[in-house]
């Protein structure tokens, strides 16, 4: 079983475990939007960025797409990982409505949490926001396109679980 060090904490994980799940086992929650353990990984959101050091070389990877290997050192707190996450959040917020107090997810929203954690308090973009018509994705999914963060969870659920096309 691979043993890795995750933000300074040693953890032994089952072979095939990705770094998001390894982080959870180490008590280090890795931020994610697109990853869900029941839907698997697509690596589209980029907020699970972390730096892996193995064999003396460091590289930025997406935790959901990277399998834990014995001897890896993983950090989510290094400058490159933090800066990439901040840039992704800023990019998502360009078109996202800034109406958290009236949103159904207000106070329970990962995007809101990561925006605050990343210190994203100003908007550098002053252009018009995009607007979309909502799509119908079956009776189990309430799909609000103007709040879409391109995580693909709803469309993957629709296709893989609910049998949609």
N, C-alpha and C. Protein backbone atom coordinates (compact mmCIF):
# COMPACT_ATOMS: atom_id res chain seq x y z
N UNK A 1 0.84 -1.18 0.00
CA UNK A 1 0.00 0.00 0.00
C UNK A 1 0.89 1.25 0.00
N UNK A 2 0.58 2.19 -0.89
CA UNK A 2 1.38 3.41 -0.97
C UNK A 2 1.29 4.24 0.31
N UNK A 3 2.45 4.73 0.74
CA UNK A 3 2.49 5.66 1.87
C UNK A 3 2.94 7.00 1.32
N UNK A 4 2.15 8.03 1.59
CA UNK A 4 2.49 9.37 1.11
C UNK A 4 2.48 10.35 2.28
N UNK A 5 3.04 11.51 2.05
CA UNK A 5 3.00 12.59 3.03
C UNK A 5 2.15 13.68 2.40
N UNK A 6 1.05 14.04 3.08
CA UNK A 6 0.08 15.00 2.53
C UNK A 6 0.03 16.22 3.45
N UNK A 7 0.53 17.35 2.97
CA UNK A 7 0.65 18.57 3.79
C UNK A 7 1.27 18.23 5.15
N UNK A 8 2.33 17.41 5.10
CA UNK A 8 3.08 17.06 6.30
C UNK A 8 2.56 15.88 7.08
N UNK A 9 1.40 15.34 6.72
CA UNK A 9 0.82 14.22 7.45
C UNK A 9 1.02 12.92 6.67
N UNK A 10 1.57 11.91 7.34
CA UNK A 10 1.75 10.61 6.69
C UNK A 10 0.42 9.89 6.63
N UNK A 11 0.19 9.24 5.49
CA UNK A 11 -1.03 8.45 5.34
C UNK A 11 -0.73 7.28 4.41
N UNK A 12 -1.27 6.14 4.75
CA UNK A 12 -1.17 4.95 3.91
C UNK A 12 -2.52 4.74 3.26
N UNK A 13 -2.52 4.57 1.93
CA UNK A 13 -3.77 4.46 1.19
C UNK A 13 -3.78 3.20 0.34
N UNK A 14 -4.95 2.78 -0.04
CA UNK A 14 -5.09 1.61 -0.90
C UNK A 14 -4.55 1.93 -2.30
N UNK A 15 -3.98 0.94 -2.98
CA UNK A 15 -3.54 1.17 -4.35
C UNK A 15 -4.70 1.68 -5.21
N UNK A 16 -4.42 2.63 -6.09
CA UNK A 16 -5.45 3.18 -6.96
C UNK A 16 -6.18 4.38 -6.39
N UNK A 17 -5.85 4.76 -5.16
CA UNK A 17 -6.51 5.91 -4.52
C UNK A 17 -5.99 7.21 -5.13
N UNK A 18 -6.91 8.10 -5.50
CA UNK A 18 -6.45 9.38 -6.03
C UNK A 18 -6.09 10.31 -4.86
N UNK A 19 -5.47 11.44 -5.19
CA UNK A 19 -4.98 12.33 -4.14
C UNK A 19 -6.09 13.07 -3.40
N UNK A 20 -7.26 13.23 -4.01
CA UNK A 20 -8.38 13.84 -3.28
C UNK A 20 -8.78 12.93 -2.13
N UNK A 21 -8.97 11.64 -2.43
CA UNK A 21 -9.36 10.68 -1.39
C UNK A 21 -8.23 10.48 -0.38
N UNK A 22 -6.98 10.49 -0.85
CA UNK A 22 -5.84 10.36 0.07
C UNK A 22 -5.79 11.54 1.02
N UNK A 23 -6.07 12.73 0.51
CA UNK A 23 -6.11 13.92 1.36
C UNK A 23 -7.16 13.80 2.44
N UNK A 24 -8.34 13.32 2.06
CA UNK A 24 -9.41 13.13 3.05
C UNK A 24 -8.99 12.14 4.13
N UNK A 25 -8.30 11.06 3.72
CA UNK A 25 -7.83 10.07 4.69
C UNK A 25 -6.78 10.66 5.63
N UNK A 26 -6.02 11.64 5.12
CA UNK A 26 -4.99 12.28 5.94
C UNK A 26 -5.56 13.42 6.78
N UNK A 27 -6.84 13.71 6.59
CA UNK A 27 -7.45 14.83 7.31
C UNK A 27 -7.18 16.17 6.66
N UNK A 28 -6.84 16.13 5.37
CA UNK A 28 -6.56 17.35 4.61
C UNK A 28 -7.57 17.42 3.47
N UNK A 29 -8.66 18.15 3.66
CA UNK A 29 -9.65 18.24 2.58
C UNK A 29 -9.10 19.03 1.40
N UNK A 30 -9.15 18.42 0.23
CA UNK A 30 -8.70 19.07 -1.01
C UNK A 30 -9.92 19.70 -1.65
N UNK A 31 -9.86 20.99 -2.01
CA UNK A 31 -11.03 21.61 -2.64
C UNK A 31 -11.34 20.97 -3.99
N UNK A 32 -12.61 20.74 -4.25
CA UNK A 32 -13.04 20.16 -5.53
C UNK A 32 -14.37 20.77 -5.95
N UNK A 33 -14.59 20.83 -7.24
CA UNK A 33 -15.90 21.14 -7.80
C UNK A 33 -16.35 19.98 -8.67
N UNK A 34 -15.52 19.55 -9.61
CA UNK A 34 -15.97 18.54 -10.58
C UNK A 34 -15.90 17.12 -10.03
N UNK A 35 -15.03 16.85 -9.07
CA UNK A 35 -14.86 15.49 -8.57
C UNK A 35 -15.98 15.11 -7.62
N UNK A 36 -16.47 13.91 -7.80
CA UNK A 36 -17.39 13.29 -6.84
C UNK A 36 -17.05 11.81 -6.84
N UNK A 37 -16.88 11.22 -5.67
CA UNK A 37 -16.39 9.84 -5.62
C UNK A 37 -17.29 8.87 -6.36
N UNK A 38 -18.59 9.16 -6.46
CA UNK A 38 -19.49 8.26 -7.17
C UNK A 38 -19.52 8.51 -8.68
N UNK A 39 -19.01 9.64 -9.11
CA UNK A 39 -18.97 9.96 -10.54
C UNK A 39 -17.57 9.87 -11.11
N UNK A 40 -16.57 9.83 -10.26
CA UNK A 40 -15.20 9.75 -10.74
C UNK A 40 -14.61 11.12 -11.03
N UNK A 41 -13.48 11.11 -11.70
CA UNK A 41 -12.72 12.33 -11.94
C UNK A 41 -12.75 12.72 -13.41
N UNK A 42 -12.82 14.02 -13.65
CA UNK A 42 -12.69 14.54 -15.02
C UNK A 42 -11.62 15.63 -15.09
N UNK A 43 -11.24 16.19 -13.96
CA UNK A 43 -10.18 17.19 -13.93
C UNK A 43 -10.51 18.51 -14.60
N UNK A 44 -11.79 18.83 -14.70
CA UNK A 44 -12.17 20.03 -15.46
C UNK A 44 -12.12 21.32 -14.65
N UNK A 45 -12.29 21.26 -13.35
CA UNK A 45 -12.42 22.51 -12.59
C UNK A 45 -11.07 23.11 -12.19
N UNK A 46 -10.07 22.31 -11.97
CA UNK A 46 -8.72 22.73 -11.62
C UNK A 46 -8.55 23.24 -10.19
N UNK A 47 -9.58 23.22 -9.37
CA UNK A 47 -9.40 23.73 -8.00
C UNK A 47 -8.73 22.72 -7.07
N UNK A 48 -8.56 21.48 -7.51
CA UNK A 48 -7.87 20.49 -6.68
C UNK A 48 -6.37 20.49 -6.94
N UNK A 49 -5.87 21.58 -7.53
CA UNK A 49 -4.44 21.68 -7.83
C UNK A 49 -3.60 21.48 -6.58
N UNK A 50 -2.56 20.69 -6.73
CA UNK A 50 -1.60 20.50 -5.65
C UNK A 50 -0.24 20.22 -6.27
N UNK A 51 0.79 20.33 -5.48
CA UNK A 51 2.13 20.07 -5.97
C UNK A 51 2.61 18.75 -5.39
N UNK A 52 3.10 17.90 -6.28
CA UNK A 52 3.60 16.58 -5.90
C UNK A 52 5.11 16.58 -6.10
N UNK A 53 5.81 16.09 -5.09
CA UNK A 53 7.25 15.91 -5.20
C UNK A 53 7.52 14.42 -5.08
N UNK A 54 8.16 13.88 -6.10
CA UNK A 54 8.51 12.46 -6.12
C UNK A 54 9.82 12.33 -6.90
N UNK A 55 10.72 11.54 -6.37
CA UNK A 55 11.99 11.35 -7.06
C UNK A 55 12.78 12.63 -7.23
N UNK A 56 12.61 13.57 -6.29
CA UNK A 56 13.35 14.82 -6.35
C UNK A 56 12.79 15.86 -7.29
N UNK A 57 11.70 15.55 -7.98
CA UNK A 57 11.10 16.50 -8.91
C UNK A 57 9.71 16.89 -8.43
N UNK A 58 9.39 18.18 -8.56
CA UNK A 58 8.07 18.68 -8.17
C UNK A 58 7.30 19.09 -9.40
N UNK A 59 5.98 18.86 -9.34
CA UNK A 59 5.13 19.30 -10.45
C UNK A 59 3.73 19.55 -9.93
N UNK A 60 3.05 20.46 -10.62
CA UNK A 60 1.67 20.79 -10.31
C UNK A 60 0.78 19.74 -10.96
N UNK A 61 -0.14 19.16 -10.19
CA UNK A 61 -1.05 18.13 -10.72
C UNK A 61 -2.47 18.42 -10.23
N UNK A 62 -3.43 17.79 -10.86
CA UNK A 62 -4.80 17.84 -10.39
C UNK A 62 -5.01 16.61 -9.51
N UNK A 63 -5.35 16.82 -8.25
CA UNK A 63 -5.43 15.74 -7.27
C UNK A 63 -6.44 14.67 -7.66
N UNK A 64 -7.53 15.07 -8.30
CA UNK A 64 -8.56 14.09 -8.66
C UNK A 64 -8.09 13.15 -9.76
N UNK A 65 -7.11 13.59 -10.55
CA UNK A 65 -6.65 12.81 -11.69
C UNK A 65 -5.32 12.10 -11.41
N UNK A 66 -4.80 12.22 -10.20
CA UNK A 66 -3.47 11.69 -9.89
C UNK A 66 -3.57 10.61 -8.83
N UNK A 67 -3.04 9.44 -9.17
CA UNK A 67 -3.05 8.30 -8.26
C UNK A 67 -1.90 8.42 -7.27
N UNK A 68 -2.18 8.15 -6.01
CA UNK A 68 -1.14 8.18 -4.98
C UNK A 68 -0.10 7.10 -5.26
N UNK A 69 1.16 7.49 -5.18
CA UNK A 69 2.28 6.57 -5.38
C UNK A 69 3.16 6.61 -4.13
N UNK A 70 3.72 5.47 -3.80
CA UNK A 70 4.54 5.37 -2.60
C UNK A 70 5.66 6.41 -2.61
N UNK A 71 5.82 7.11 -1.48
CA UNK A 71 6.89 8.08 -1.34
C UNK A 71 6.57 9.49 -1.80
N UNK A 72 5.38 9.70 -2.35
CA UNK A 72 5.00 11.04 -2.80
C UNK A 72 4.90 12.00 -1.62
N UNK A 73 5.29 13.24 -1.88
CA UNK A 73 5.01 14.32 -0.95
C UNK A 73 4.06 15.26 -1.67
N UNK A 74 2.93 15.53 -1.05
CA UNK A 74 1.87 16.32 -1.67
C UNK A 74 1.59 17.54 -0.82
N UNK A 75 1.45 18.69 -1.47
CA UNK A 75 1.05 19.88 -0.73
C UNK A 75 0.01 20.67 -1.51
N UNK A 76 -0.95 21.18 -0.78
CA UNK A 76 -1.97 22.06 -1.36
C UNK A 76 -1.69 23.50 -0.98
N UNK A 77 -0.65 23.72 -0.18
CA UNK A 77 -0.40 25.03 0.40
C UNK A 77 0.74 25.80 -0.25
N UNK A 78 1.41 25.21 -1.23
CA UNK A 78 2.52 25.89 -1.89
C UNK A 78 2.00 27.03 -2.77
N UNK A 79 2.89 27.93 -3.14
CA UNK A 79 2.50 29.13 -3.88
C UNK A 79 1.82 28.81 -5.21
N UNK A 80 2.37 27.86 -5.98
CA UNK A 80 1.81 27.54 -7.30
C UNK A 80 0.38 27.02 -7.20
N UNK A 81 0.14 26.12 -6.25
CA UNK A 81 -1.21 25.56 -6.08
C UNK A 81 -2.20 26.62 -5.64
N UNK A 82 -1.80 27.42 -4.68
CA UNK A 82 -2.69 28.48 -4.15
C UNK A 82 -3.00 29.50 -5.24
N UNK A 83 -1.99 29.91 -6.00
CA UNK A 83 -2.21 30.91 -7.06
C UNK A 83 -3.10 30.36 -8.17
N UNK A 84 -2.92 29.10 -8.54
CA UNK A 84 -3.79 28.52 -9.58
C UNK A 84 -5.24 28.49 -9.10
N UNK A 85 -5.45 28.05 -7.86
CA UNK A 85 -6.82 28.03 -7.31
C UNK A 85 -7.43 29.42 -7.29
N UNK A 86 -6.66 30.41 -6.86
CA UNK A 86 -7.17 31.78 -6.83
C UNK A 86 -7.55 32.26 -8.23
N UNK A 87 -6.74 31.93 -9.22
CA UNK A 87 -7.03 32.33 -10.60
C UNK A 87 -8.29 31.66 -11.12
N UNK A 88 -8.44 30.38 -10.81
CA UNK A 88 -9.64 29.65 -11.25
C UNK A 88 -10.89 30.26 -10.61
N UNK A 89 -10.83 30.54 -9.32
CA UNK A 89 -11.99 31.13 -8.63
C UNK A 89 -12.31 32.49 -9.23
N UNK A 90 -11.29 33.30 -9.48
CA UNK A 90 -11.55 34.61 -10.09
C UNK A 90 -12.20 34.46 -11.46
N UNK A 91 -11.72 33.51 -12.24
CA UNK A 91 -12.30 33.25 -13.57
C UNK A 91 -13.76 32.82 -13.45
N UNK A 92 -14.06 31.94 -12.50
CA UNK A 92 -15.45 31.50 -12.31
C UNK A 92 -16.35 32.65 -11.88
N UNK A 93 -15.82 33.54 -11.08
CA UNK A 93 -16.63 34.65 -10.56
C UNK A 93 -16.89 35.74 -11.59
N UNK A 94 -16.18 35.72 -12.72
CA UNK A 94 -16.42 36.73 -13.75
C UNK A 94 -17.88 36.72 -14.18
N UNK A 95 -18.44 35.55 -14.41
CA UNK A 95 -19.81 35.45 -14.90
C UNK A 95 -20.81 34.95 -13.87
N UNK A 96 -20.34 34.60 -12.71
CA UNK A 96 -21.24 34.08 -11.68
C UNK A 96 -21.98 35.23 -11.01
N UNK A 97 -23.28 35.07 -10.76
CA UNK A 97 -24.01 36.14 -10.07
C UNK A 97 -23.44 36.37 -8.67
N UNK A 98 -23.35 37.60 -8.28
CA UNK A 98 -22.86 37.94 -6.94
C UNK A 98 -24.06 38.23 -6.04
N UNK A 99 -24.99 37.29 -6.00
CA UNK A 99 -26.22 37.48 -5.21
C UNK A 99 -26.36 36.39 -4.16
N UNK A 100 -25.28 36.10 -3.47
CA UNK A 100 -25.25 35.02 -2.48
C UNK A 100 -26.38 35.09 -1.44
N UNK A 101 -26.73 36.28 -0.94
CA UNK A 101 -27.77 36.31 0.10
C UNK A 101 -29.13 35.75 -0.35
N UNK A 102 -29.45 35.81 -1.64
CA UNK A 102 -30.75 35.29 -2.09
C UNK A 102 -30.65 33.93 -2.77
N UNK A 103 -29.43 33.41 -2.91
CA UNK A 103 -29.23 32.12 -3.56
C UNK A 103 -29.63 30.99 -2.61
N UNK A 104 -30.21 29.92 -3.18
CA UNK A 104 -30.58 28.75 -2.37
C UNK A 104 -29.38 28.11 -1.68
N UNK A 105 -28.20 28.24 -2.27
CA UNK A 105 -26.99 27.63 -1.71
C UNK A 105 -26.23 28.59 -0.79
N UNK A 106 -26.69 29.81 -0.65
CA UNK A 106 -25.99 30.81 0.17
C UNK A 106 -25.66 30.28 1.55
N UNK A 107 -24.40 30.36 1.92
CA UNK A 107 -23.95 29.86 3.22
C UNK A 107 -23.56 28.40 3.20
N UNK A 108 -23.91 27.67 2.15
CA UNK A 108 -23.56 26.25 2.03
C UNK A 108 -22.92 25.99 0.67
N UNK A 109 -22.22 26.97 0.15
CA UNK A 109 -21.73 26.95 -1.22
C UNK A 109 -20.21 26.82 -1.25
N UNK A 110 -19.70 25.82 -1.96
CA UNK A 110 -18.26 25.64 -2.08
C UNK A 110 -17.60 26.82 -2.78
N UNK A 111 -18.25 27.35 -3.81
CA UNK A 111 -17.68 28.49 -4.53
C UNK A 111 -17.56 29.69 -3.59
N UNK A 112 -18.59 29.92 -2.81
CA UNK A 112 -18.56 31.02 -1.84
C UNK A 112 -17.43 30.79 -0.83
N UNK A 113 -17.30 29.58 -0.33
CA UNK A 113 -16.24 29.26 0.64
C UNK A 113 -14.85 29.49 0.05
N UNK A 114 -14.63 29.00 -1.18
CA UNK A 114 -13.31 29.16 -1.80
C UNK A 114 -13.03 30.60 -2.19
N UNK A 115 -14.06 31.34 -2.54
CA UNK A 115 -13.88 32.75 -2.86
C UNK A 115 -13.41 33.51 -1.63
N UNK A 116 -14.04 33.25 -0.51
CA UNK A 116 -13.67 33.90 0.75
C UNK A 116 -12.29 33.44 1.20
N UNK A 117 -12.04 32.12 1.15
CA UNK A 117 -10.75 31.58 1.58
C UNK A 117 -9.60 32.11 0.74
N UNK A 118 -9.86 32.32 -0.54
CA UNK A 118 -8.81 32.82 -1.43
C UNK A 118 -8.62 34.31 -1.38
N UNK A 119 -9.43 35.00 -0.60
CA UNK A 119 -9.29 36.44 -0.47
C UNK A 119 -9.73 37.22 -1.69
N UNK A 120 -10.59 36.61 -2.49
CA UNK A 120 -11.05 37.26 -3.71
C UNK A 120 -12.16 38.25 -3.35
N UNK A 121 -11.77 39.50 -3.12
CA UNK A 121 -12.75 40.48 -2.67
C UNK A 121 -13.07 41.55 -3.69
N UNK A 122 -12.33 41.58 -4.79
CA UNK A 122 -12.59 42.60 -5.81
C UNK A 122 -12.79 41.95 -7.16
N UNK A 123 -13.52 42.64 -8.02
CA UNK A 123 -13.69 42.16 -9.40
C UNK A 123 -12.83 43.03 -10.30
N UNK A 124 -11.92 42.40 -11.04
CA UNK A 124 -11.10 43.16 -11.98
C UNK A 124 -11.76 43.28 -13.34
N UNK A 125 -12.80 42.49 -13.56
CA UNK A 125 -13.50 42.49 -14.84
C UNK A 125 -14.81 43.26 -14.68
N UNK A 126 -15.03 44.24 -15.54
CA UNK A 126 -16.24 45.05 -15.40
C UNK A 126 -17.19 44.91 -16.59
N UNK A 127 -16.92 43.96 -17.47
CA UNK A 127 -17.79 43.76 -18.63
C UNK A 127 -19.10 43.10 -18.27
N UNK A 128 -19.92 42.89 -19.29
CA UNK A 128 -21.22 42.24 -19.08
C UNK A 128 -21.04 40.77 -18.74
N UNK A 129 -21.92 40.28 -17.89
CA UNK A 129 -21.92 38.85 -17.56
C UNK A 129 -22.70 38.10 -18.63
N UNK A 130 -22.31 36.86 -18.85
CA UNK A 130 -23.06 36.01 -19.78
C UNK A 130 -24.40 35.64 -19.15
N UNK A 131 -25.37 35.35 -19.97
CA UNK A 131 -26.65 34.84 -19.47
C UNK A 131 -27.09 33.69 -20.37
N UNK A 132 -27.72 32.71 -19.76
CA UNK A 132 -28.15 31.51 -20.47
C UNK A 132 -29.58 31.16 -20.10
N UNK A 133 -30.21 30.42 -20.98
CA UNK A 133 -31.50 29.80 -20.67
C UNK A 133 -31.20 28.49 -19.93
N UNK A 134 -32.02 28.16 -18.96
CA UNK A 134 -31.84 26.90 -18.24
C UNK A 134 -32.13 25.73 -19.16
N UNK A 135 -31.44 24.62 -18.91
CA UNK A 135 -31.67 23.38 -19.65
C UNK A 135 -32.47 22.44 -18.76
N UNK A 136 -33.29 21.62 -19.41
CA UNK A 136 -34.02 20.59 -18.65
C UNK A 136 -33.16 19.33 -18.64
N UNK A 137 -32.79 18.89 -17.45
CA UNK A 137 -31.98 17.69 -17.31
C UNK A 137 -32.72 16.65 -16.47
N UNK A 138 -33.99 16.53 -16.69
CA UNK A 138 -34.76 15.53 -15.99
C UNK A 138 -35.32 16.05 -14.68
N UNK A 139 -36.17 15.23 -14.09
CA UNK A 139 -36.89 15.65 -12.89
C UNK A 139 -36.03 15.69 -11.62
N UNK A 140 -34.83 15.10 -11.66
CA UNK A 140 -34.00 15.04 -10.46
C UNK A 140 -32.97 16.16 -10.36
N UNK A 141 -32.86 16.98 -11.40
CA UNK A 141 -31.80 18.00 -11.44
C UNK A 141 -32.40 19.37 -11.67
N UNK A 142 -32.12 20.28 -10.77
CA UNK A 142 -32.50 21.67 -10.96
C UNK A 142 -31.25 22.36 -11.51
N UNK A 143 -31.30 22.71 -12.78
CA UNK A 143 -30.12 23.21 -13.48
C UNK A 143 -30.27 24.70 -13.75
N UNK A 144 -29.52 25.51 -13.04
CA UNK A 144 -29.56 26.97 -13.18
C UNK A 144 -28.31 27.39 -13.95
N UNK A 145 -28.45 27.57 -15.25
CA UNK A 145 -27.30 27.84 -16.12
C UNK A 145 -26.53 29.12 -15.76
N UNK A 146 -27.19 30.12 -15.25
CA UNK A 146 -26.48 31.35 -14.91
C UNK A 146 -25.61 31.21 -13.67
N UNK A 147 -25.76 30.11 -12.96
CA UNK A 147 -24.91 29.82 -11.80
C UNK A 147 -23.91 28.70 -12.10
N UNK A 148 -23.90 28.24 -13.33
CA UNK A 148 -23.05 27.11 -13.73
C UNK A 148 -21.57 27.46 -13.55
N UNK A 149 -20.82 26.56 -12.94
CA UNK A 149 -19.38 26.74 -12.78
C UNK A 149 -18.61 25.71 -13.60
N UNK A 150 -19.27 25.10 -14.55
CA UNK A 150 -18.66 24.15 -15.49
C UNK A 150 -17.97 23.00 -14.77
N UNK A 151 -18.62 22.46 -13.75
CA UNK A 151 -18.06 21.31 -13.03
C UNK A 151 -18.49 19.99 -13.67
N UNK A 152 -19.55 20.03 -14.45
CA UNK A 152 -20.10 18.88 -15.16
C UNK A 152 -20.75 17.84 -14.25
N UNK A 153 -20.89 18.11 -12.97
CA UNK A 153 -21.54 17.13 -12.08
C UNK A 153 -22.98 16.85 -12.51
N UNK A 154 -23.74 17.90 -12.81
CA UNK A 154 -25.16 17.69 -13.14
C UNK A 154 -25.30 16.93 -14.45
N UNK A 155 -24.52 17.29 -15.46
CA UNK A 155 -24.65 16.60 -16.74
C UNK A 155 -24.13 15.17 -16.64
N UNK A 156 -23.09 14.94 -15.85
CA UNK A 156 -22.58 13.57 -15.67
C UNK A 156 -23.59 12.72 -14.91
N UNK A 157 -24.22 13.29 -13.87
CA UNK A 157 -25.26 12.56 -13.15
C UNK A 157 -26.40 12.22 -14.11
N UNK A 158 -26.81 13.20 -14.89
CA UNK A 158 -27.90 13.01 -15.85
C UNK A 158 -27.59 11.87 -16.82
N UNK A 159 -26.38 11.84 -17.34
CA UNK A 159 -26.00 10.82 -18.32
C UNK A 159 -25.67 9.48 -17.68
N UNK A 160 -24.91 9.48 -16.59
CA UNK A 160 -24.39 8.24 -16.03
C UNK A 160 -25.33 7.56 -15.03
N UNK A 161 -26.15 8.35 -14.35
CA UNK A 161 -27.01 7.78 -13.30
C UNK A 161 -28.47 7.81 -13.70
N UNK A 162 -28.94 8.95 -14.21
CA UNK A 162 -30.36 9.11 -14.52
C UNK A 162 -30.73 8.60 -15.91
N UNK A 163 -29.74 8.19 -16.70
CA UNK A 163 -30.03 7.60 -18.01
C UNK A 163 -30.38 8.60 -19.10
N UNK A 164 -30.02 9.85 -18.93
CA UNK A 164 -30.31 10.86 -19.95
C UNK A 164 -29.31 10.83 -21.09
N UNK A 165 -29.63 11.57 -22.12
CA UNK A 165 -28.73 11.66 -23.29
C UNK A 165 -28.38 13.08 -23.58
